[in-house]
C-alpha atoms as a PDB file:
ATOM      1  CA  MET A   1      -0.919 -20.650  -2.666  1.00  0.00           C
ATOM      2  CA  SER A   2       2.268 -19.701  -0.784  1.00  0.00           C
ATOM      3  CA  PHE A   3       3.783 -16.326  -1.591  1.00  0.00           C
ATOM      4  CA  ASP A   4       6.925 -16.775   0.531  1.00  0.00           C
ATOM      5  CA  VAL A   5       9.366 -16.536  -2.379  1.00  0.00           C
ATOM      6  CA  LEU A   6       7.901 -13.401  -3.883  1.00  0.00           C
ATOM      7  CA  VAL A   7       7.628 -11.743  -0.457  1.00  0.00           C
ATOM      8  CA  GLU A   8      11.329 -12.408   0.133  1.00  0.00           C
ATOM      9  CA  LYS A   9      12.196 -10.950  -3.288  1.00  0.00           C
ATOM     10  CA  SER A  10      10.175  -7.861  -2.450  1.00  0.00           C
ATOM     11  CA  ARG A  11      11.900  -7.481   0.896  1.00  0.00           C
ATOM     12  CA  GLU A  12      15.324  -7.721  -0.747  1.00  0.00           C
ATOM     13  CA  TYR A  13      14.382  -5.239  -3.476  1.00  0.00           C
ATOM     14  CA  TYR A  14      13.273  -2.504  -1.097  1.00  0.00           C
ATOM     15  CA  GLU A  15      16.110  -3.040   1.346  1.00  0.00           C
ATOM     16  CA  GLU A  16      18.515  -2.511  -1.555  1.00  0.00           C
ATOM     17  CA  THR A  17      16.820   0.778  -2.492  1.00  0.00           C
ATOM     18  CA  LEU A  18      16.950   1.870   1.141  1.00  0.00           C
ATOM     19  CA  GLN A  19      20.651   1.085   1.357  1.00  0.00           C
ATOM     20  CA  GLN A  20      21.304   3.011  -1.847  1.00  0.00           C
ATOM     21  CA  PHE A  21      19.153   6.103  -1.265  1.00  0.00           C
ATOM     22  CA  GLY A  22      18.531   6.262   2.486  1.00  0.00           C
ATOM     23  CA  CYS A  23      15.421   7.608   4.228  1.00  0.00           C
ATOM     24  CA  THR A  24      14.067   9.481   1.214  1.00  0.00           C
ATOM     25  CA  PRO A  25      11.247   8.837  -1.257  1.00  0.00           C
ATOM     26  CA  ARG A  26      13.831   7.191  -3.523  1.00  0.00           C
ATOM     27  CA  GLY A  27      14.699   4.898  -0.624  1.00  0.00           C
ATOM     28  CA  VAL A  28      11.255   3.330  -1.045  1.00  0.00           C
ATOM     29  CA  ASP A  29      11.555   3.384  -4.857  1.00  0.00           C
ATOM     30  CA  TRP A  30       9.654   6.593  -5.655  1.00  0.00           C
ATOM     31  CA  ASN A  31      11.192   9.097  -8.054  1.00  0.00           C
ATOM     32  CA  GLY A  32      10.521  12.056  -5.784  1.00  0.00           C
ATOM     33  CA  GLU A  33       8.491  13.635  -3.026  1.00  0.00           C
ATOM     34  CA  ALA A  34       5.971  15.331  -5.324  1.00  0.00           C
ATOM     35  CA  SER A  35       4.633  12.113  -6.880  1.00  0.00           C
ATOM     36  CA  GLN A  36       4.745  10.344  -3.529  1.00  0.00           C
ATOM     37  CA  ASN A  37       2.640  13.082  -1.948  1.00  0.00           C
ATOM     38  CA  LEU A  38       0.182  13.058  -4.856  1.00  0.00           C
ATOM     39  CA  ARG A  39      -0.389   9.355  -4.241  1.00  0.00           C
ATOM     40  CA  PHE A  40      -0.920  10.058  -0.545  1.00  0.00           C
ATOM     41  CA  LYS A  41      -3.354  12.849  -1.390  1.00  0.00           C
ATOM     42  CA  ILE A  42      -5.484  10.549  -3.528  1.00  0.00           C
ATOM     43  CA  LEU A  43      -5.371   7.692  -1.017  1.00  0.00           C
ATOM     44  CA  THR A  44      -6.431   9.920   1.867  1.00  0.00           C
ATOM     45  CA  GLU A  45      -9.381  11.305  -0.073  1.00  0.00           C
ATOM     46  CA  ILE A  46     -11.203   8.046   0.591  1.00  0.00           C
ATOM     47  CA  GLY A  47     -13.220   9.858   3.256  1.00  0.00           C
ATOM     48  CA  ASP A  48     -13.136  12.035   6.356  1.00  0.00           C
ATOM     49  CA  LEU A  49     -10.178  10.550   8.223  1.00  0.00           C
ATOM     50  CA  LYS A  50     -10.265  12.823  11.268  1.00  0.00           C
ATOM     51  CA  GLY A  51     -10.240  10.745  14.437  1.00  0.00           C
ATOM     52  CA  THR A  52      -9.951   7.411  12.609  1.00  0.00           C
ATOM     53  CA  ARG A  53      -7.372   4.653  12.944  1.00  0.00           C
ATOM     54  CA  ILE A  54      -5.264   4.109   9.823  1.00  0.00           C
ATOM     55  CA  HIS A  55      -3.272   0.951   9.075  1.00  0.00           C
ATOM     56  CA  ASP A  56      -0.569   1.710   6.492  1.00  0.00           C
ATOM     57  CA  VAL A  57       0.196  -1.681   4.918  1.00  0.00           C
ATOM     58  CA  GLY A  58       3.709  -1.885   3.505  1.00  0.00           C
ATOM     59  CA  CYS A  59       4.465   1.370   5.271  1.00  0.00           C
ATOM     60  CA  GLY A  60       8.150   1.487   4.344  1.00  0.00           C
ATOM     61  CA  LEU A  61       9.673   4.475   6.110  1.00  0.00           C
ATOM     62  CA  GLY A  62       6.333   5.790   7.345  1.00  0.00           C
ATOM     63  CA  HIS A  63       6.145   8.736   4.947  1.00  0.00           C
ATOM     64  CA  LEU A  64       2.346   8.571   4.959  1.00  0.00           C
ATOM     65  CA  ALA A  65       2.454   9.534   8.642  1.00  0.00           C
ATOM     66  CA  ASP A  66       4.512  12.611   7.706  1.00  0.00           C
ATOM     67  CA  TYR A  67       1.988  13.563   5.037  1.00  0.00           C
ATOM     68  CA  LEU A  68      -0.981  13.225   7.389  1.00  0.00           C
ATOM     69  CA  LEU A  69       0.760  15.381   9.984  1.00  0.00           C
ATOM     70  CA  LYS A  70       1.666  18.086   7.453  1.00  0.00           C
ATOM     71  CA  GLN A  71      -1.913  18.179   6.193  1.00  0.00           C
ATOM     72  CA  GLY A  72      -3.269  18.512   9.735  1.00  0.00           C
ATOM     73  CA  ILE A  73      -5.230  15.257   9.454  1.00  0.00           C
ATOM     74  CA  ASP A  74      -5.498  13.968  13.005  1.00  0.00           C
ATOM     75  CA  VAL A  75      -5.511  10.163  12.903  1.00  0.00           C
ATOM     76  CA  ASP A  76      -4.330   7.222  14.963  1.00  0.00           C
ATOM     77  CA  TYR A  77      -1.578   5.997  12.607  1.00  0.00           C
ATOM     78  CA  MET A  78      -0.165   2.483  12.583  1.00  0.00           C
ATOM     79  CA  GLY A  79       2.126   0.927   9.991  1.00  0.00           C
ATOM     80  CA  THR A  80       3.320  -2.552   9.118  1.00  0.00           C
ATOM     81  CA  ASP A  81       6.050  -3.736   6.778  1.00  0.00           C
ATOM     82  CA  ILE A  82       7.651  -7.093   5.989  1.00  0.00           C
ATOM     83  CA  SER A  83      11.135  -5.573   6.252  1.00  0.00           C
ATOM     84  CA  ALA A  84      12.549  -5.327   9.776  1.00  0.00           C
ATOM     85  CA  THR A  85      15.184  -2.957   8.388  1.00  0.00           C
ATOM     86  CA  MET A  86      12.525  -0.601   7.035  1.00  0.00           C
ATOM     87  CA  VAL A  87      10.618  -0.755  10.309  1.00  0.00           C
ATOM     88  CA  GLU A  88      13.746   0.034  12.306  1.00  0.00           C
ATOM     89  CA  ARG A  89      14.425   3.123  10.173  1.00  0.00           C
ATOM     90  CA  ALA A  90      10.775   4.181  10.345  1.00  0.00           C
ATOM     91  CA  ARG A  91      10.802   3.931  14.137  1.00  0.00           C
ATOM     92  CA  GLU A  92      13.966   6.034  14.262  1.00  0.00           C
ATOM     93  CA  ARG A  93      12.261   8.675  12.137  1.00  0.00           C
ATOM     94  CA  LEU A  94       8.927   8.532  13.958  1.00  0.00           C
ATOM     95  CA  PRO A  95       9.573   7.814  17.637  1.00  0.00           C
ATOM     96  CA  GLY A  96       6.484   6.803  19.547  1.00  0.00           C
ATOM     97  CA  ARG A  97       4.551   5.691  16.471  1.00  0.00           C
ATOM     98  CA  GLU A  98       3.063   2.209  16.185  1.00  0.00           C
ATOM     99  CA  ILE A  99       5.149   0.559  13.469  1.00  0.00           C
ATOM    100  CA  TYR A 100       5.585  -3.200  13.333  1.00  0.00           C
ATOM    101  CA  THR A 101       7.356  -5.860  11.314  1.00  0.00           C
ATOM    102  CA  ALA A 102       4.454  -7.979  10.098  1.00  0.00           C
ATOM    103  CA  ASP A 103       2.956  -9.790   7.128  1.00  0.00           C
ATOM    104  CA  ILE A 104      -0.813  -9.427   7.286  1.00  0.00           C
ATOM    105  CA  LEU A 105      -1.313 -12.477   5.055  1.00  0.00           C
ATOM    106  CA  THR A 106       0.529 -14.996   7.205  1.00  0.00           C
ATOM    107  CA  ASP A 107       1.032 -13.562  10.692  1.00  0.00           C
ATOM    108  CA  PRO A 108      -1.437 -13.971  13.542  1.00  0.00           C
ATOM    109  CA  THR A 109      -3.939 -11.120  13.555  1.00  0.00           C
ATOM    110  CA  PRO A 110      -4.066  -9.419  16.937  1.00  0.00           C
ATOM    111  CA  ASP A 111      -6.548  -6.616  17.471  1.00  0.00           C
ATOM    112  CA  TRP A 112      -3.965  -3.935  16.708  1.00  0.00           C
ATOM    113  CA  MET A 113      -3.988  -4.939  13.030  1.00  0.00           C
ATOM    114  CA  ASN A 114      -7.615  -3.837  12.696  1.00  0.00           C
ATOM    115  CA  ALA A 115      -8.303  -0.243  11.704  1.00  0.00           C
ATOM    116  CA  ASP A 116     -11.029   1.958  10.285  1.00  0.00           C
ATOM    117  CA  TYR A 117      -9.112   2.265   7.021  1.00  0.00           C
ATOM    118  CA  LEU A 118      -6.316   0.160   5.591  1.00  0.00           C
ATOM    119  CA  MET A 119      -4.169   1.822   2.929  1.00  0.00           C
ATOM    120  CA  ALA A 120      -1.367   0.625   0.666  1.00  0.00           C
ATOM    121  CA  SER A 121       0.712   2.914  -1.528  1.00  0.00           C
ATOM    122  CA  GLY A 122       2.948   1.291  -4.129  1.00  0.00           C
ATOM    123  CA  LEU A 123       2.753  -2.097  -2.454  1.00  0.00           C
ATOM    124  CA  PHE A 124       1.651  -3.825  -5.655  1.00  0.00           C
ATOM    125  CA  TYR A 125       3.905  -2.106  -8.212  1.00  0.00           C
ATOM    126  CA  VAL A 126       7.162  -4.100  -8.201  1.00  0.00           C
ATOM    127  CA  LYS A 127       6.801  -7.766  -9.108  1.00  0.00           C
ATOM    128  CA  SER A 128      10.482  -8.310 -10.041  1.00  0.00           C
ATOM    129  CA  ASP A 129      10.564 -11.560 -12.062  1.00  0.00           C
ATOM    130  CA  THR A 130       7.352 -12.991 -10.597  1.00  0.00           C
ATOM    131  CA  PRO A 131       4.930 -14.108 -13.338  1.00  0.00           C
ATOM    132  CA  ASP A 132       1.967 -11.766 -13.765  1.00  0.00           C
ATOM    133  CA  ARG A 133      -0.610 -14.439 -12.898  1.00  0.00           C
ATOM    134  CA  VAL A 134       1.150 -15.190  -9.591  1.00  0.00           C
ATOM    135  CA  TRP A 135       1.492 -11.508  -8.724  1.00  0.00           C
ATOM    136  CA  GLN A 136      -2.175 -10.961  -9.567  1.00  0.00           C
ATOM    137  CA  SER A 137      -3.087 -13.732  -7.120  1.00  0.00           C
ATOM    138  CA  PHE A 138      -0.918 -12.107  -4.460  1.00  0.00           C
ATOM    139  CA  VAL A 139      -2.557  -8.712  -5.032  1.00  0.00           C
ATOM    140  CA  GLU A 140      -6.025 -10.213  -4.779  1.00  0.00           C
ATOM    141  CA  ALA A 141      -5.169 -12.117  -1.590  1.00  0.00           C
ATOM    142  CA  MET A 142      -3.756  -8.958  -0.002  1.00  0.00           C
ATOM    143  CA  VAL A 143      -6.764  -6.856  -0.983  1.00  0.00           C
ATOM    144  CA  VAL A 144      -9.154  -9.414   0.504  1.00  0.00           C
ATOM    145  CA  ARG A 145      -7.125  -9.502   3.729  1.00  0.00           C
ATOM    146  CA  MET A 146      -7.035  -5.708   3.950  1.00  0.00           C
ATOM    147  CA  PHE A 147     -10.801  -5.582   3.574  1.00  0.00           C
ATOM    148  CA  GLN A 148     -11.242  -8.186   6.306  1.00  0.00           C
ATOM    149  CA  LEU A 149      -9.225  -6.017   8.717  1.00  0.00           C
ATOM    150  CA  ALA A 150     -11.001  -2.749   7.816  1.00  0.00           C
ATOM    151  CA  GLY A 151     -13.898  -1.257   9.724  1.00  0.00           C
ATOM    152  CA  LYS A 152     -14.809   1.353   7.113  1.00  0.00           C
ATOM    153  CA  GLY A 153     -12.849   0.690   3.956  1.00  0.00           C
ATOM    154  CA  ILE A 154      -9.589   0.276   2.086  1.00  0.00           C
ATOM    155  CA  ALA A 155      -7.587   2.347  -0.383  1.00  0.00           C
ATOM    156  CA  PHE A 156      -4.765   1.085  -2.586  1.00  0.00           C
ATOM    157  CA  ASN A 157      -3.110   2.042  -5.838  1.00  0.00           C
ATOM    158  CA  MET A 158      -2.034   0.118  -8.931  1.00  0.00           C
ATOM    159  CA  LEU A 159      -0.074   0.872 -12.067  1.00  0.00           C
ATOM    160  CA  THR A 160      -2.564   1.034 -14.923  1.00  0.00           C
ATOM    161  CA  SER A 161      -2.509  -1.286 -17.901  1.00  0.00           C
ATOM    162  CA  HIS A 162      -3.439   1.725 -20.072  1.00  0.00           C
ATOM    163  CA  VAL A 163       0.137   2.670 -20.941  1.00  0.00           C
ATOM    164  CA  ASP A 164       2.249   2.744 -24.088  1.00  0.00           C
ATOM    165  CA  TYR A 165       5.419   1.473 -22.414  1.00  0.00           C
ATOM    166  CA  GLU A 166       6.053  -1.108 -19.694  1.00  0.00           C
ATOM    167  CA  GLU A 167       9.009  -1.978 -17.465  1.00  0.00           C
ATOM    168  CA  SER A 168       9.449  -5.738 -17.149  1.00  0.00           C
ATOM    169  CA  HIS A 169       9.846  -5.703 -13.346  1.00  0.00           C
ATOM    170  CA  LEU A 170       6.625  -3.764 -12.743  1.00  0.00           C
ATOM    171  CA  PHE A 171       3.031  -4.976 -12.621  1.00  0.00           C
ATOM    172  CA  TYR A 172       0.391  -3.201 -14.709  1.00  0.00           C
ATOM    173  CA  ALA A 173      -3.154  -4.021 -13.656  1.00  0.00           C
ATOM    174  CA  SER A 174      -6.326  -3.695 -15.681  1.00  0.00           C
ATOM    175  CA  PRO A 175      -8.719  -1.253 -13.947  1.00  0.00           C
ATOM    176  CA  SER A 176     -11.730  -3.145 -15.271  1.00  0.00           C
ATOM    177  CA  ARG A 177     -10.446  -6.453 -13.948  1.00  0.00           C
ATOM    178  CA  MET A 178      -9.731  -4.912 -10.556  1.00  0.00           C
ATOM    179  CA  LEU A 179     -13.202  -3.358 -10.479  1.00  0.00           C
ATOM    180  CA  ASP A 180     -14.798  -6.721 -11.272  1.00  0.00           C
ATOM    181  CA  PHE A 181     -12.732  -8.428  -8.583  1.00  0.00           C
ATOM    182  CA  CYS A 182     -13.662  -5.912  -5.888  1.00  0.00           C
ATOM    183  CA  LEU A 183     -17.340  -6.013  -6.828  1.00  0.00           C
ATOM    184  CA  SER A 184     -17.474  -9.800  -6.788  1.00  0.00           C
ATOM    185  CA  ARG A 185     -15.249 -10.517  -3.769  1.00  0.00           C
ATOM    186  CA  LEU A 186     -15.546  -7.476  -1.508  1.00  0.00           C
ATOM    187  CA  ASP A 187     -18.482  -5.079  -1.820  1.00  0.00           C
ATOM    188  CA  ARG A 188     -20.481  -3.171  -4.423  1.00  0.00           C
ATOM    189  CA  HIS A 189     -19.356   0.195  -2.969  1.00  0.00           C
ATOM    190  CA  VAL A 190     -16.226   0.655  -5.100  1.00  0.00           C
ATOM    191  CA  VAL A 191     -14.586   3.757  -6.579  1.00  0.00           C
ATOM    192  CA  ILE A 192     -11.823   3.734  -9.208  1.00  0.00           C
ATOM    193  CA  ARG A 193      -9.771   6.961  -9.340  1.00  0.00           C
ATOM    194  CA  HIS A 194      -8.083   7.138 -12.743  1.00  0.00           C
ATOM    195  CA  ASP A 195      -8.202  10.929 -12.853  1.00  0.00           C
ATOM    196  CA  TYR A 196      -4.780  12.141 -11.737  1.00  0.00           C
ATOM    197  CA  PRO A 197      -1.604  12.730 -13.773  1.00  0.00           C
ATOM    198  CA  LEU A 198       0.250   9.484 -13.091  1.00  0.00           C
ATOM    199  CA  TYR A 199       0.058   6.220 -15.026  1.00  0.00           C
ATOM    200  CA  GLU A 200      -1.841   4.496 -12.266  1.00  0.00           C
ATOM    201  CA  TYR A 201      -5.150   4.471 -10.450  1.00  0.00           C
ATOM    202  CA  THR A 202      -6.432   4.258  -6.893  1.00  0.00           C
ATOM    203  CA  VAL A 203      -9.198   2.007  -5.644  1.00  0.00           C
ATOM    204  CA  TYR A 204     -11.517   2.697  -2.702  1.00  0.00           C
ATOM    205  CA  VAL A 205     -13.720  -0.088  -1.357  1.00  0.00           C
ATOM    206  CA  TYR A 206     -16.157   0.781   1.426  1.00  0.00           C
ATOM    207  CA  LYS A 207     -17.958  -1.234   4.056  1.00  0.00           C
ATOM    208  CA  VAL A 208     -21.443   0.239   4.190  1.00  0.00           C
END
């Protein structure tokens, strides 16, 4: 299945938020720094990251690199994003960092795409008008690709289906379905973190 149309919609969506709100958490469609940092905290609790290489998939403005630095977590950070505009701004903010315009699903996979851990924060939240079944297929394809590129594991977050209100442009994923998918397609070493005060959850899948 080709995801070209939905990828282009996603690129346009986030470039519009960047134009409207600039190099801030709102510029990558978060409502503030506190919730953004909480997501980063949960993602980075996947394991001991010291000395590892991290690939931030859909890195946006590279805010995860800021968080890691502030927390004193010494990693080899690399980010990719489908938006050349986002990457340009991220490089301006973080001179000397490895940040590339790339689509890990369709681009050639040079060695630099591999990392100990691949992480994605918010990458799967905004589906716009894409049908749920198509977006679910996209999520699953991306998760499989992330796991292929990981040496130790992956971490990603999803909006939970356990809510009492939904926005039509967002994608709410069943934790049980995601658990079953990871167990059947990736590895049996899976953790679902549904224990923090946001209407979402984070998944860790390890290569053991």
